[in-house]
Amino acid sequence: MIAEILSIGDELTAGAILDTNAWESAIWFQELGLRVLRHVTIGDDMDAIVTAFRTAIERADVVFASGGLGPTADDLTRAALAQAVGVELEFFPEAYEHTKNLFARRGRPMPEQNRSQAISPKGTRHIPNPDGTALGVDLTVVREGRSPCRVFCVPGVPAEMRVCRQSIDRTLREELGLGRRKIVHRKIHCFGAGESQIEAMLPDLIRRGRIPQVGITANDGSISLRMMAEGDSSAECAEQIEPTARIIYDTLGSLVYGEGEVTLADVVVSQLREQQASLSVLEIGVAGCIFNEANTARIAAFQGELFSDLSAFSKHLQLLPPSECAYSALDSGIFSAEGETVERRWVAMAAHLTRKQRQTDWAVAIVRFPEDWADLSNGAVCSRCAVEAKGDSASPNGGGNAGFRDDLVPHDPERATSVFIAVVGPDQQCRICTASRLGHPAIRDIYVAKTAWNALRLQLLSNH
């Protein structure tokens, strides 16, 4: 059976409040075995509400509307439903008594305008609402050559909506036999490939009409594969879904990071706890995008430092003793790989330094380089590092670190558009990736954080 959810009120169409009623009701319908194909939000306009009811009744077996049952002039739901199905409005004495008694229990006189809440479409069965002045509406609409459509209207106040829904739930189970068939959803999350790339890797799974049905959505860089099955029991649905889930896991491999409501941060926290490993994080110029999540997660032995930009970090380096200076913290041989750039070498250096200073198993460095950052000697790092990096014969090391000379190593073309992320673990090998800072500003920091968590996740997997 098909259901449609209508949410009525100018406050919803104007975005003044969030429509939690539709969200809750969709979950409830799923538990009953109803398939919701549409959520429709309508402002307080008579013609618009009438049209919404007519079209919903035509295409759905159950219509659930919330809002518009109050006593004021903009509460149009009862009149609109009556007009949509072609019946008269009728005064219901029992509904009037309900409203009067509620005011009496509260020790308040009932305004005359509340009398309108006792007027409903002819044929209405009222739904109990002990917590509010408006009773819900239960109306069966006959459709020629088809089974009837059942329309339920409830108050928009969430607490009252939930009370009415309890009564509707019994009606749907007892009179329509719902709740016997189940609809089960399972959601698998991926990171590291785009939506179209993942669909190309799983070409048959997204096909319409397939059982179980698979949908694909993108959210802040993560890709979710949603599987839906319908059956006589939850176990039957799970059995339908399992082979498809196995195909996803086998095909996508390490792109998959979890299911349900789990986040990349949740997965990494579990990995660190399982391996009894400590973590340190250094963030430069990225507003604490990963540090805040790690701190909230209460990772055992987590340590971190935040710097607003490279200049702030440079001042920090100036205060370090020579033995802990950023450049001397490393063996320059670690940067011998062909194709390395100044930026990649530098973020690796920052990760190693952080791990060494903090004495942790793992370290992550996340650095956003200024677009005009020219070389290592312009004040972005400490003067001792800049001298040693250029192989100056006057340096304490006698130029022994000439392998880090920025006049021999190119700058990274991604510097202006990317954040650089380095992960160092117990093997002291450094893995470097980048996260693009292009795209919508609202998700840039989220994407950077997810990329950093994912880089650490993959390294923890390989280390386990």
Foldseek 3Di string as FASTA:
>chain_A
DEEEEEEEAPCDVVVVDDQVVVVVVCVVCQLQVYHYDYYHYYYLDLVRLLVVLLVRQVPGQEYEYEALLALDPSSCNQVSNCVNQVFDKDAAVVLVVLLCVLCVVVVHGDDPSLSVLRIGGPQWDWQDQNPDSHTKTWHWHDDPPDHTHIYIYWYNPVVRSVSSVVRVVVCCCPPVVTSQKHKDKKKWKFADDDPVVLCVLVVPQCDPPDVQHWDWDDDLRMIMIMTMHMGRDPVVGCVRCVVVVVVSCVRVPLRIQDIDPDALLNSLLVLCVVVVFEEEEEEAQLVCLQVVSCVVVCRPNYYYDYHNHLLRVQVVLVPDDPCLRLVNLDDLVLPPDPPDALVQVNQLSVQSSRCVVSVTQKYKYKHQHDPPDDDDCPNSHYNLNLCLCCLPCPHPVRRPNPVNRNVVGHHDPCRHFWIKMWMAGNVRRIDIDIQGQDDDVVSSSVRRNRVNSSVSSVVSVVVD
